[in-house]
PDB file of N, CA and C in Angstrom:
ATOM      1  N   MET A   1      12.187  36.143 -37.641  1.00  0.00           N
ATOM      2  CA  MET A   1      12.832  35.083 -36.201  1.00  0.00           C
ATOM      3  C   MET A   1      11.754  34.847 -35.076  1.00  0.00           C
ATOM      4  N   THR A   2      12.135  33.788 -34.747  1.00  0.00           N
ATOM      5  CA  THR A   2      11.013  33.471 -33.283  1.00  0.00           C
ATOM      6  C   THR A   2      11.515  33.235 -32.016  1.00  0.00           C
ATOM      7  N   THR A   3      10.419  33.879 -31.289  1.00  0.00           N
ATOM      8  CA  THR A   3      10.505  33.517 -29.354  1.00  0.00           C
ATOM      9  C   THR A   3      10.259  32.475 -29.448  1.00  0.00           C
ATOM     10  N   GLU A   4       9.709  31.184 -29.997  1.00  0.00           N
ATOM     11  CA  GLU A   4       8.970  30.287 -29.602  1.00  0.00           C
ATOM     12  C   GLU A   4       9.805  29.357 -28.763  1.00  0.00           C
ATOM     13  N   SER A   5       9.669  29.517 -27.562  1.00  0.00           N
ATOM     14  CA  SER A   5      10.768  28.279 -26.809  1.00  0.00           C
ATOM     15  C   SER A   5      10.794  27.221 -27.098  1.00  0.00           C
ATOM     16  N   PRO A   6      11.739  26.485 -26.428  1.00  0.00           N
ATOM     17  CA  PRO A   6      11.168  24.304 -26.956  1.00  0.00           C
ATOM     18  C   PRO A   6      10.529  24.185 -25.610  1.00  0.00           C
ATOM     19  N   ARG A   7       9.699  23.064 -26.289  1.00  0.00           N
ATOM     20  CA  ARG A   7       8.965  22.839 -25.413  1.00  0.00           C
ATOM     21  C   ARG A   7       9.390  20.975 -25.293  1.00  0.00           C
ATOM     22  N   TRP A   8      10.321  20.662 -24.062  1.00  0.00           N
ATOM     23  CA  TRP A   8      10.590  19.522 -24.029  1.00  0.00           C
ATOM     24  C   TRP A   8       9.891  18.401 -23.800  1.00  0.00           C
ATOM     25  N   PHE A   9      10.173  16.941 -24.500  1.00  0.00           N
ATOM     26  CA  PHE A   9       9.006  16.001 -23.706  1.00  0.00           C
ATOM     27  C   PHE A   9      10.046  14.692 -24.096  1.00  0.00           C
ATOM     28  N   LYS A  10       9.904  13.567 -23.126  1.00  0.00           N
ATOM     29  CA  LYS A  10      10.961  12.631 -22.743  1.00  0.00           C
ATOM     30  C   LYS A  10       9.998  11.148 -23.675  1.00  0.00           C
ATOM     31  N   SER A  11      10.328  10.654 -24.755  1.00  0.00           N
ATOM     32  CA  SER A  11       9.541   9.309 -25.300  1.00  0.00           C
ATOM     33  C   SER A  11       8.562   8.921 -23.747  1.00  0.00           C
ATOM     34  N   SER A  12       7.425   8.514 -24.280  1.00  0.00           N
ATOM     35  CA  SER A  12       6.332   7.043 -23.513  1.00  0.00           C
ATOM     36  C   SER A  12       7.321   6.557 -23.421  1.00  0.00           C
ATOM     37  N   TYR A  13       7.985   5.708 -24.225  1.00  0.00           N
ATOM     38  CA  TYR A  13       9.031   4.561 -23.943  1.00  0.00           C
ATOM     39  C   TYR A  13       9.660   4.979 -22.838  1.00  0.00           C
ATOM     40  N   SER A  14      10.575   5.844 -22.493  1.00  0.00           N
ATOM     41  CA  SER A  14      11.334   6.144 -21.322  1.00  0.00           C
ATOM     42  C   SER A  14      10.532   5.701 -20.009  1.00  0.00           C
ATOM     43  N   SER A  15      11.799   4.801 -19.537  1.00  0.00           N
ATOM     44  CA  SER A  15      11.036   4.071 -18.206  1.00  0.00           C
ATOM     45  C   SER A  15      11.753   5.047 -16.370  1.00  0.00           C
ATOM     46  N   ASN A  16      12.421   5.719 -17.120  1.00  0.00           N
ATOM     47  CA  ASN A  16      12.717   6.715 -15.731  1.00  0.00           C
ATOM     48  C   ASN A  16      14.308   6.006 -15.055  1.00  0.00           C
ATOM     49  N   GLY A  17      14.978   5.724 -16.141  1.00  0.00           N
ATOM     50  CA  GLY A  17      16.477   4.841 -15.869  1.00  0.00           C
ATOM     51  C   GLY A  17      17.733   5.553 -16.025  1.00  0.00           C
ATOM     52  N   GLY A  18      17.345   6.679 -16.083  1.00  0.00           N
ATOM     53  CA  GLY A  18      18.190   8.082 -15.825  1.00  0.00           C
ATOM     54  C   GLY A  18      18.905   7.941 -17.177  1.00  0.00           C
ATOM     55  N   GLN A  19      18.942   7.031 -18.379  1.00  0.00           N
ATOM     56  CA  GLN A  19      19.540   6.989 -19.423  1.00  0.00           C
ATOM     57  C   GLN A  19      18.849   7.492 -20.859  1.00  0.00           C
ATOM     58  N   CYS A  20      17.760   9.018 -19.997  1.00  0.00           N
ATOM     59  CA  CYS A  20      16.781   9.829 -21.429  1.00  0.00           C
ATOM     60  C   CYS A  20      17.081  10.891 -22.091  1.00  0.00           C
ATOM     61  N   VAL A  21      16.824  11.110 -22.989  1.00  0.00           N
ATOM     62  CA  VAL A  21      16.986  12.316 -23.877  1.00  0.00           C
ATOM     63  C   VAL A  21      15.418  12.936 -23.981  1.00  0.00           C
ATOM     64  N   GLU A  22      15.716  13.756 -24.010  1.00  0.00           N
ATOM     65  CA  GLU A  22      14.136  14.637 -24.587  1.00  0.00           C
ATOM     66  C   GLU A  22      15.054  15.455 -25.725  1.00  0.00           C
ATOM     67  N   VAL A  23      13.393  15.911 -26.385  1.00  0.00           N
ATOM     68  CA  VAL A  23      13.524  16.669 -27.736  1.00  0.00           C
ATOM     69  C   VAL A  23      12.231  17.412 -27.448  1.00  0.00           C
ATOM     70  N   ALA A  24      12.338  18.617 -28.268  1.00  0.00           N
ATOM     71  CA  ALA A  24      11.486  20.175 -28.966  1.00  0.00           C
ATOM     72  C   ALA A  24      11.150  19.465 -29.567  1.00  0.00           C
ATOM     73  N   ALA A  25      10.801  19.197 -30.264  1.00  0.00           N
ATOM     74  CA  ALA A  25       9.857  18.751 -31.792  1.00  0.00           C
ATOM     75  C   ALA A  25       9.316  20.244 -32.098  1.00  0.00           C
ATOM     76  N   ASN A  26       8.559  20.716 -31.110  1.00  0.00           N
ATOM     77  CA  ASN A  26       8.288  22.171 -31.872  1.00  0.00           C
ATOM     78  C   ASN A  26       8.769  23.012 -32.559  1.00  0.00           C
ATOM     79  N   LEU A  27      10.365  22.720 -32.330  1.00  0.00           N
ATOM     80  CA  LEU A  27      10.821  24.150 -33.017  1.00  0.00           C
ATOM     81  C   LEU A  27      11.079  23.249 -34.700  1.00  0.00           C
ATOM     82  N   ALA A  28      10.718  22.113 -34.755  1.00  0.00           N
ATOM     83  CA  ALA A  28      10.802  21.713 -36.292  1.00  0.00           C
ATOM     84  C   ALA A  28      10.585  22.700 -37.237  1.00  0.00           C
ATOM     85  N   VAL A  29       9.101  23.136 -37.549  1.00  0.00           N
ATOM     86  CA  VAL A  29       9.270  23.822 -38.529  1.00  0.00           C
ATOM     87  C   VAL A  29       9.560  25.272 -38.605  1.00  0.00           C
ATOM     88  N   SER A  30       9.522  25.938 -37.127  1.00  0.00           N
ATOM     89  CA  SER A  30       9.580  27.116 -37.240  1.00  0.00           C
ATOM     90  C   SER A  30      11.474  27.463 -37.212  1.00  0.00           C
ATOM     91  N   ARG A  31      11.975  26.495 -36.524  1.00  0.00           N
ATOM     92  CA  ARG A  31      13.457  26.958 -36.993  1.00  0.00           C
ATOM     93  C   ARG A  31      14.376  25.804 -37.831  1.00  0.00           C
ATOM     94  N   GLY A  32      13.589  24.933 -37.978  1.00  0.00           N
ATOM     95  CA  GLY A  32      14.313  23.318 -38.994  1.00  0.00           C
ATOM     96  C   GLY A  32      15.450  22.616 -38.168  1.00  0.00           C
ATOM     97  N   VAL A  33      15.010  23.136 -36.798  1.00  0.00           N
ATOM     98  CA  VAL A  33      15.965  21.610 -36.175  1.00  0.00           C
ATOM     99  C   VAL A  33      15.088  21.437 -34.755  1.00  0.00           C
ATOM    100  N   VAL A  34      15.571  20.086 -34.619  1.00  0.00           N
ATOM    101  CA  VAL A  34      15.282  19.561 -33.246  1.00  0.00           C
ATOM    102  C   VAL A  34      16.135  19.263 -32.332  1.00  0.00           C
ATOM    103  N   PRO A  35      15.996  19.868 -31.523  1.00  0.00           N
ATOM    104  CA  PRO A  35      16.866  20.066 -30.169  1.00  0.00           C
ATOM    105  C   PRO A  35      16.600  19.541 -28.835  1.00  0.00           C
ATOM    106  N   VAL A  36      17.954  18.450 -28.625  1.00  0.00           N
ATOM    107  CA  VAL A  36      17.952  17.278 -28.272  1.00  0.00           C
ATOM    108  C   VAL A  36      18.975  17.775 -27.497  1.00  0.00           C
ATOM    109  N   ARG A  37      18.464  16.980 -25.733  1.00  0.00           N
ATOM    110  CA  ARG A  37      19.148  17.377 -24.716  1.00  0.00           C
ATOM    111  C   ARG A  37      19.096  16.245 -23.255  1.00  0.00           C
ATOM    112  N   ASP A  38      20.076  15.874 -22.448  1.00  0.00           N
ATOM    113  CA  ASP A  38      20.347  14.925 -21.416  1.00  0.00           C
ATOM    114  C   ASP A  38      18.897  15.200 -20.777  1.00  0.00           C
ATOM    115  N   SER A  39      18.097  14.411 -20.304  1.00  0.00           N
ATOM    116  CA  SER A  39      16.816  14.736 -19.289  1.00  0.00           C
ATOM    117  C   SER A  39      17.524  14.830 -18.158  1.00  0.00           C
ATOM    118  N   LYS A  40      18.514  14.373 -17.329  1.00  0.00           N
ATOM    119  CA  LYS A  40      19.401  14.328 -16.062  1.00  0.00           C
ATOM    120  C   LYS A  40      20.711  16.321 -16.745  1.00  0.00           C
ATOM    121  N   ASP A  41      20.548  16.698 -17.190  1.00  0.00           N
ATOM    122  CA  ASP A  41      20.861  18.049 -17.285  1.00  0.00           C
ATOM    123  C   ASP A  41      20.752  18.595 -17.685  1.00  0.00           C
ATOM    124  N   LEU A  42      19.675  19.331 -17.441  1.00  0.00           N
ATOM    125  CA  LEU A  42      18.667  19.865 -18.095  1.00  0.00           C
ATOM    126  C   LEU A  42      19.192  21.704 -18.505  1.00  0.00           C
ATOM    127  N   ARG A  43      20.074  22.070 -17.552  1.00  0.00           N
ATOM    128  CA  ARG A  43      20.725  23.124 -17.710  1.00  0.00           C
ATOM    129  C   ARG A  43      22.439  23.063 -18.775  1.00  0.00           C
ATOM    130  N   GLY A  44      22.170  21.440 -19.219  1.00  0.00           N
ATOM    131  CA  GLY A  44      23.943  21.100 -20.026  1.00  0.00           C
ATOM    132  C   GLY A  44      23.564  21.807 -21.793  1.00  0.00           C
ATOM    133  N   PRO A  45      24.506  20.904 -22.015  1.00  0.00           N
ATOM    134  CA  PRO A  45      24.320  21.304 -23.663  1.00  0.00           C
ATOM    135  C   PRO A  45      23.430  20.909 -24.562  1.00  0.00           C
ATOM    136  N   VAL A  46      22.662  21.633 -25.728  1.00  0.00           N
ATOM    137  CA  VAL A  46      21.785  20.892 -26.266  1.00  0.00           C
ATOM    138  C   VAL A  46      22.395  21.017 -28.057  1.00  0.00           C
ATOM    139  N   LEU A  47      21.977  19.901 -28.534  1.00  0.00           N
ATOM    140  CA  LEU A  47      22.198  20.011 -29.813  1.00  0.00           C
ATOM    141  C   LEU A  47      21.029  19.951 -30.932  1.00  0.00           C
ATOM    142  N   ASP A  48      21.406  20.698 -31.842  1.00  0.00           N
ATOM    143  CA  ASP A  48      20.373  21.218 -32.632  1.00  0.00           C
ATOM    144  C   ASP A  48      20.856  20.274 -33.938  1.00  0.00           C
ATOM    145  N   ILE A  49      19.748  19.543 -34.191  1.00  0.00           N
ATOM    146  CA  ILE A  49      19.615  18.432 -35.302  1.00  0.00           C
ATOM    147  C   ILE A  49      19.086  19.032 -36.144  1.00  0.00           C
ATOM    148  N   PRO A  50      19.461  19.116 -37.787  1.00  0.00           N
ATOM    149  CA  PRO A  50      17.978  19.659 -38.482  1.00  0.00           C
ATOM    150  C   PRO A  50      17.633  18.799 -38.778  1.00  0.00           C
ATOM    151  N   THR A  51      16.044  19.174 -39.075  1.00  0.00           N
ATOM    152  CA  THR A  51      14.979  18.127 -39.055  1.00  0.00           C
ATOM    153  C   THR A  51      15.018  17.277 -40.259  1.00  0.00           C
ATOM    154  N   HIS A  52      15.502  17.022 -40.876  1.00  0.00           N
ATOM    155  CA  HIS A  52      15.677  15.996 -41.893  1.00  0.00           C
ATOM    156  C   HIS A  52      16.714  14.849 -41.393  1.00  0.00           C
ATOM    157  N   ALA A  53      17.602  15.565 -40.577  1.00  0.00           N
ATOM    158  CA  ALA A  53      18.713  14.656 -40.257  1.00  0.00           C
ATOM    159  C   ALA A  53      17.740  13.631 -39.024  1.00  0.00           C
ATOM    160  N   PHE A  54      16.755  14.339 -38.096  1.00  0.00           N
ATOM    161  CA  PHE A  54      16.157  14.114 -37.629  1.00  0.00           C
ATOM    162  C   PHE A  54      15.214  12.575 -37.668  1.00  0.00           C
ATOM    163  N   THR A  55      14.452  13.275 -38.639  1.00  0.00           N
ATOM    164  CA  THR A  55      13.102  12.615 -39.332  1.00  0.00           C
ATOM    165  C   THR A  55      14.276  11.306 -40.375  1.00  0.00           C
ATOM    166  N   SER A  56      15.428  11.258 -40.686  1.00  0.00           N
ATOM    167  CA  SER A  56      15.964  10.051 -40.920  1.00  0.00           C
ATOM    168  C   SER A  56      16.623   8.975 -39.822  1.00  0.00           C
ATOM    169  N   PHE A  57      16.854   9.928 -38.709  1.00  0.00           N
ATOM    170  CA  PHE A  57      17.163   9.143 -37.591  1.00  0.00           C
ATOM    171  C   PHE A  57      16.438   8.173 -37.015  1.00  0.00           C
ATOM    172  N   VAL A  58      14.801   8.918 -36.550  1.00  0.00           N
ATOM    173  CA  VAL A  58      13.623   8.341 -36.366  1.00  0.00           C
ATOM    174  C   VAL A  58      12.974   6.990 -37.303  1.00  0.00           C
ATOM    175  N   THR A  59      13.679   7.368 -38.659  1.00  0.00           N
ATOM    176  CA  THR A  59      12.936   6.437 -39.120  1.00  0.00           C
ATOM    177  C   THR A  59      13.503   5.002 -39.430  1.00  0.00           C
ATOM    178  N   GLY A  60      15.281   5.340 -39.649  1.00  0.00           N
ATOM    179  CA  GLY A  60      16.203   3.992 -38.795  1.00  0.00           C
ATOM    180  C   GLY A  60      15.954   3.274 -37.505  1.00  0.00           C
ATOM    181  N   ILE A  61      15.292   4.019 -36.857  1.00  0.00           N
ATOM    182  CA  ILE A  61      15.364   3.273 -35.520  1.00  0.00           C
ATOM    183  C   ILE A  61      14.059   2.637 -35.805  1.00  0.00           C
ATOM    184  N   LYS A  62      12.870   3.323 -36.462  1.00  0.00           N
ATOM    185  CA  LYS A  62      11.723   2.647 -36.481  1.00  0.00           C
ATOM    186  C   LYS A  62      11.762   1.194 -38.073  1.00  0.00           C
ATOM    187  N   ASP A  63      13.351   1.204 -38.603  1.00  0.00           N
ATOM    188  CA  ASP A  63      13.413   0.010 -39.467  1.00  0.00           C
ATOM    189  C   ASP A  63      13.898  -0.999 -38.836  1.00  0.00           C
ATOM    190  N   ALA A  64      15.114  -0.565 -37.974  1.00  0.00           N
ATOM    191  CA  ALA A  64      15.966  -1.716 -37.197  1.00  0.00           C
ATOM    192  C   ALA A  64      17.025  -1.476 -38.194  1.00  0.00           C
ATOM    193  N   GLU A  65      17.414  -0.193 -38.354  1.00  0.00           N
ATOM    194  CA  GLU A  65      19.098  -0.172 -39.135  1.00  0.00           C
ATOM    195  C   GLU A  65      19.781  -0.144 -38.407  1.00  0.00           C
ATOM    196  N   PHE A  66      19.723   0.153 -36.788  1.00  0.00           N
ATOM    197  CA  PHE A  66      21.072   0.493 -36.379  1.00  0.00           C
ATOM    198  C   PHE A  66      20.726  -1.135 -35.487  1.00  0.00           C
ATOM    199  N   GLY A  67      20.397  -1.768 -35.737  1.00  0.00           N
ATOM    200  CA  GLY A  67      20.523  -3.816 -35.140  1.00  0.00           C
ATOM    201  C   GLY A  67      19.660  -3.176 -33.903  1.00  0.00           C
ATOM    202  N   ALA A  68      19.834  -4.273 -32.900  1.00  0.00           N
ATOM    203  CA  ALA A  68      19.111  -4.739 -31.571  1.00  0.00           C
ATOM    204  C   ALA A  68      19.725  -4.352 -30.566  1.00  0.00           C
ATOM    205  N   ILE A  69      18.605  -3.882 -29.598  1.00  0.00           N
ATOM    206  CA  ILE A  69      19.820  -3.484 -28.382  1.00  0.00           C
ATOM    207  C   ILE A  69      19.810  -4.685 -27.351  1.00  0.00           C
TER     208      ILE A  69
END
């Protein structure tokens, strides 16, 4: 078991428009998850996304698999 704390960060593409999420990618190797939370609610719920699922999601975004915004 690890006692490593999440190191939260927002994307450099974030424009501070209030619609941001933060991720703690530093836990991907040690815990096998990428925690995700709402940047406006730091004490709110955290989703622990399995590393393989998060990687697939990011790849899908980069490949425009989810359509244009």
